Amino acid sequence: MKETSGRTKNNYRAALATLFSFARQKGHLPRGQQTEAEFSTRYNGKGGEIGTYTPKQLQILLSRIEPRMIPFIAIGAFAGLRSAEIARLEWQEVRFDQDVIELKAARASQPPATSDSPGFESLVKSHAERVREGASGGPRRIRSRHPIQKAVDAITDQDGEPLVKIVHNGLRHSF
């Protein structure tokens, strides 16, 4: 676990402590004694760097990425949603008439997002109208986040070097 984050290490520690606690409740371990999992230390690292995209990198993404990926990029960068939230988002939840993107409670970790960023609506609305509610055989959801990596990797200079590198939740952090 040397290359895992502090959060991951703490999650494994908590899972083991929960397992031992369950075993204690079922009578498999003596009551009143701490287990080794409870004695283990918590990792206190602050985590890695928070990555963002510069305005120039966002311009490159929006102008060179496959058109079907534009809503994913625009919603992340201009409405501040996490990648996982965008992947679960359905077009019917993007309500341009109210300037709101509604995240259903079961899929969200934040209140409804709004975006009054210039150009946001025009970037996303044309894509939304084509596929709203699955019309024209289009997807109901915005886009899975997995093809984004391939689409961004395809944006290269003349020497084949990537112009933009994927940053975990970088769109949200850039918002």
Protein backbone atom coordinates (compact mmCIF):
# COMPACT_ATOMS: atom_id res chain seq x y z
CA MET A 1 0.00 0.00 0.00
CA LYS A 2 3.02 2.28 -0.36
CA GLU A 3 1.61 3.99 -3.45
CA THR A 4 -1.95 4.47 -2.21
CA SER A 5 -3.30 7.71 -0.80
CA GLY A 6 -3.75 8.38 2.90
CA ARG A 7 -7.49 8.31 2.45
CA THR A 8 -7.32 4.81 0.94
CA LYS A 9 -5.14 3.58 3.80
CA ASN A 10 -7.57 5.02 6.35
CA ASN A 11 -10.52 3.43 4.51
CA TYR A 12 -8.87 -0.01 4.73
CA ARG A 13 -8.07 0.59 8.41
CA ALA A 14 -11.71 1.52 9.08
CA ALA A 15 -12.98 -1.54 7.21
CA LEU A 16 -10.78 -3.83 9.32
CA ALA A 17 -11.88 -2.13 12.54
CA THR A 18 -15.52 -2.60 11.48
CA LEU A 19 -14.89 -6.28 10.75
CA PHE A 20 -13.34 -6.83 14.20
CA SER A 21 -16.17 -4.87 15.84
CA PHE A 22 -18.70 -7.12 14.09
CA ALA A 23 -16.79 -10.20 15.26
CA ARG A 24 -16.86 -8.83 18.84
CA GLN A 25 -20.64 -8.24 18.66
CA LYS A 26 -21.19 -11.81 17.47
CA GLY A 27 -19.14 -13.20 20.37
CA HIS A 28 -16.11 -14.28 18.31
CA LEU A 29 -13.81 -11.83 20.13
CA PRO A 30 -13.72 -10.86 23.81
CA ARG A 31 -15.57 -7.69 24.83
CA GLY A 32 -13.65 -4.79 26.31
CA GLN A 33 -10.36 -5.46 24.52
CA GLN A 34 -9.13 -3.36 21.64
CA THR A 35 -8.13 -5.15 18.47
CA GLU A 36 -4.95 -4.59 16.47
CA ALA A 37 -6.98 -2.71 13.86
CA GLU A 38 -8.05 -0.20 16.50
CA PHE A 39 -4.43 0.22 17.65
CA SER A 40 -3.20 0.93 14.14
CA THR A 41 -2.40 4.55 13.45
CA ARG A 42 -4.36 6.79 11.15
CA TYR A 43 -2.59 8.34 8.20
CA ASN A 44 -2.64 12.10 8.56
CA GLY A 45 -1.35 13.11 5.14
CA LYS A 46 -3.10 16.02 3.49
CA GLY A 47 -3.37 14.24 0.15
CA GLY A 48 -1.94 15.18 -3.19
CA GLU A 49 -1.94 18.38 -5.16
CA ILE A 50 -5.28 19.65 -6.40
CA GLY A 51 -5.03 19.92 -10.16
CA THR A 52 -6.78 22.52 -12.29
CA TYR A 53 -6.93 23.49 -15.93
CA THR A 54 -5.84 26.89 -17.19
CA PRO A 55 -8.21 28.87 -19.41
CA LYS A 56 -5.94 28.03 -22.36
CA GLN A 57 -6.17 24.28 -21.59
CA LEU A 58 -9.97 24.52 -21.35
CA GLN A 59 -10.04 26.33 -24.68
CA ILE A 60 -7.96 23.53 -26.22
CA LEU A 61 -10.26 20.89 -24.73
CA LEU A 62 -13.45 22.59 -25.92
CA SER A 63 -12.17 23.36 -29.40
CA ARG A 64 -10.41 20.07 -30.16
CA ILE A 65 -12.26 17.34 -28.29
CA GLU A 66 -14.80 15.15 -30.07
CA PRO A 67 -18.10 17.08 -30.22
CA ARG A 68 -19.95 14.37 -28.27
CA MET A 69 -17.62 15.04 -25.30
CA ILE A 70 -18.23 18.81 -25.15
CA PRO A 71 -21.18 18.61 -22.68
CA PHE A 72 -19.07 16.60 -20.22
CA ILE A 73 -16.24 19.14 -20.36
CA ALA A 74 -18.56 22.19 -20.26
CA ILE A 75 -20.67 20.92 -17.35
CA GLY A 76 -17.58 20.05 -15.31
CA ALA A 77 -15.75 23.29 -16.03
CA PHE A 78 -18.64 25.76 -15.89
CA ALA A 79 -21.05 24.15 -13.41
CA GLY A 80 -18.47 22.54 -11.09
CA LEU A 81 -19.84 18.99 -11.04
CA ARG A 82 -17.60 16.06 -10.23
CA SER A 83 -16.78 13.64 -13.04
CA ALA A 84 -18.78 10.85 -11.41
CA GLU A 85 -21.81 13.15 -11.01
CA ILE A 86 -21.69 14.14 -14.69
CA ALA A 87 -21.46 10.49 -15.72
CA ARG A 88 -24.70 9.76 -13.79
CA LEU A 89 -26.47 12.94 -14.91
CA GLU A 90 -29.43 12.60 -17.27
CA TRP A 91 -30.36 15.26 -19.84
CA GLN A 92 -33.79 15.80 -18.29
CA GLU A 93 -31.99 17.09 -15.19
CA VAL A 94 -30.35 19.91 -17.18
CA ARG A 95 -33.02 22.61 -17.05
CA PHE A 96 -31.92 25.55 -19.19
CA ASP A 97 -35.18 27.42 -18.61
CA GLN A 98 -34.32 27.66 -14.89
CA ASP A 99 -30.50 27.83 -15.23
CA VAL A 100 -30.26 24.75 -13.00
CA ILE A 101 -28.68 21.33 -13.20
CA GLU A 102 -30.58 19.16 -10.75
CA LEU A 103 -28.63 16.36 -9.14
CA LYS A 104 -30.92 13.70 -7.76
CA ALA A 105 -30.13 12.96 -4.11
CA ALA A 106 -29.28 9.33 -4.80
CA ARG A 107 -26.60 10.38 -7.30
CA ALA A 108 -25.27 13.63 -5.89
CA SER A 109 -23.09 14.89 -3.13
CA GLN A 110 -23.98 18.57 -3.47
CA PRO A 111 -27.04 20.79 -4.05
CA PRO A 112 -28.26 21.70 -7.55
CA ALA A 113 -25.63 23.46 -9.62
CA THR A 114 -26.17 26.59 -11.63
CA SER A 115 -23.99 28.17 -14.24
CA ASP A 116 -24.21 31.70 -15.50
CA SER A 117 -20.84 31.38 -17.23
CA PRO A 118 -20.85 33.04 -20.66
CA GLY A 119 -21.27 30.51 -23.43
CA PHE A 120 -22.16 27.59 -21.15
CA GLU A 121 -25.72 27.28 -22.40
CA SER A 122 -24.75 27.45 -26.07
CA LEU A 123 -22.02 24.83 -25.56
CA VAL A 124 -24.35 22.33 -23.92
CA LYS A 125 -27.83 23.16 -25.20
CA SER A 126 -27.32 22.06 -28.81
CA HIS A 127 -26.17 18.65 -27.57
CA ALA A 128 -29.01 18.43 -25.08
CA GLU A 129 -31.70 19.12 -27.65
CA ARG A 130 -30.48 16.30 -29.90
CA VAL A 131 -30.60 13.67 -27.21
CA ARG A 132 -33.07 14.97 -24.61
CA GLU A 133 -35.01 12.09 -23.09
CA GLY A 134 -33.40 9.58 -25.44
CA ALA A 135 -34.88 11.14 -28.61
CA SER A 136 -33.26 10.13 -31.91
CA GLY A 137 -31.91 7.03 -30.25
CA GLY A 138 -29.43 9.18 -28.30
CA PRO A 139 -28.33 8.47 -24.76
CA ARG A 140 -30.34 9.78 -21.83
CA ARG A 141 -27.16 10.32 -19.85
CA ILE A 142 -24.60 13.02 -20.54
CA ARG A 143 -21.60 10.77 -21.09
CA SER A 144 -19.61 8.12 -19.33
CA ARG A 145 -16.34 9.50 -18.00
CA HIS A 146 -14.23 6.60 -19.28
CA PRO A 147 -14.05 7.63 -22.98
CA ILE A 148 -12.93 11.11 -21.86
CA GLN A 149 -9.40 9.83 -21.20
CA LYS A 150 -9.08 8.50 -24.76
CA ALA A 151 -10.59 11.65 -26.24
CA VAL A 152 -8.21 13.91 -24.32
CA ASP A 153 -5.21 11.69 -25.09
CA ALA A 154 -6.04 12.12 -28.80
CA ILE A 155 -5.47 15.90 -28.54
CA THR A 156 -1.79 16.10 -29.44
CA ASP A 157 0.66 18.45 -31.12
CA GLN A 158 2.59 17.70 -34.36
CA ASP A 159 5.05 15.49 -32.44
CA GLY A 160 2.28 13.42 -30.85
CA GLU A 161 2.74 14.99 -27.40
CA PRO A 162 -0.49 15.58 -25.44
CA LEU A 163 -1.59 19.22 -25.31
CA VAL A 164 -3.69 18.66 -22.20
CA LYS A 165 -3.27 16.05 -19.49
CA ILE A 166 -6.23 14.62 -17.57
CA VAL A 167 -6.38 15.87 -13.99
CA HIS A 168 -8.64 14.03 -11.52
CA ASN A 169 -11.70 16.27 -11.06
CA GLY A 170 -9.66 19.06 -12.62
CA LEU A 171 -12.77 20.47 -14.32
CA ARG A 172 -14.53 20.83 -10.97
CA HIS A 173 -11.47 22.32 -9.31
CA SER A 174 -11.08 24.77 -12.21
CA PHE A 175 -14.69 25.89 -11.74
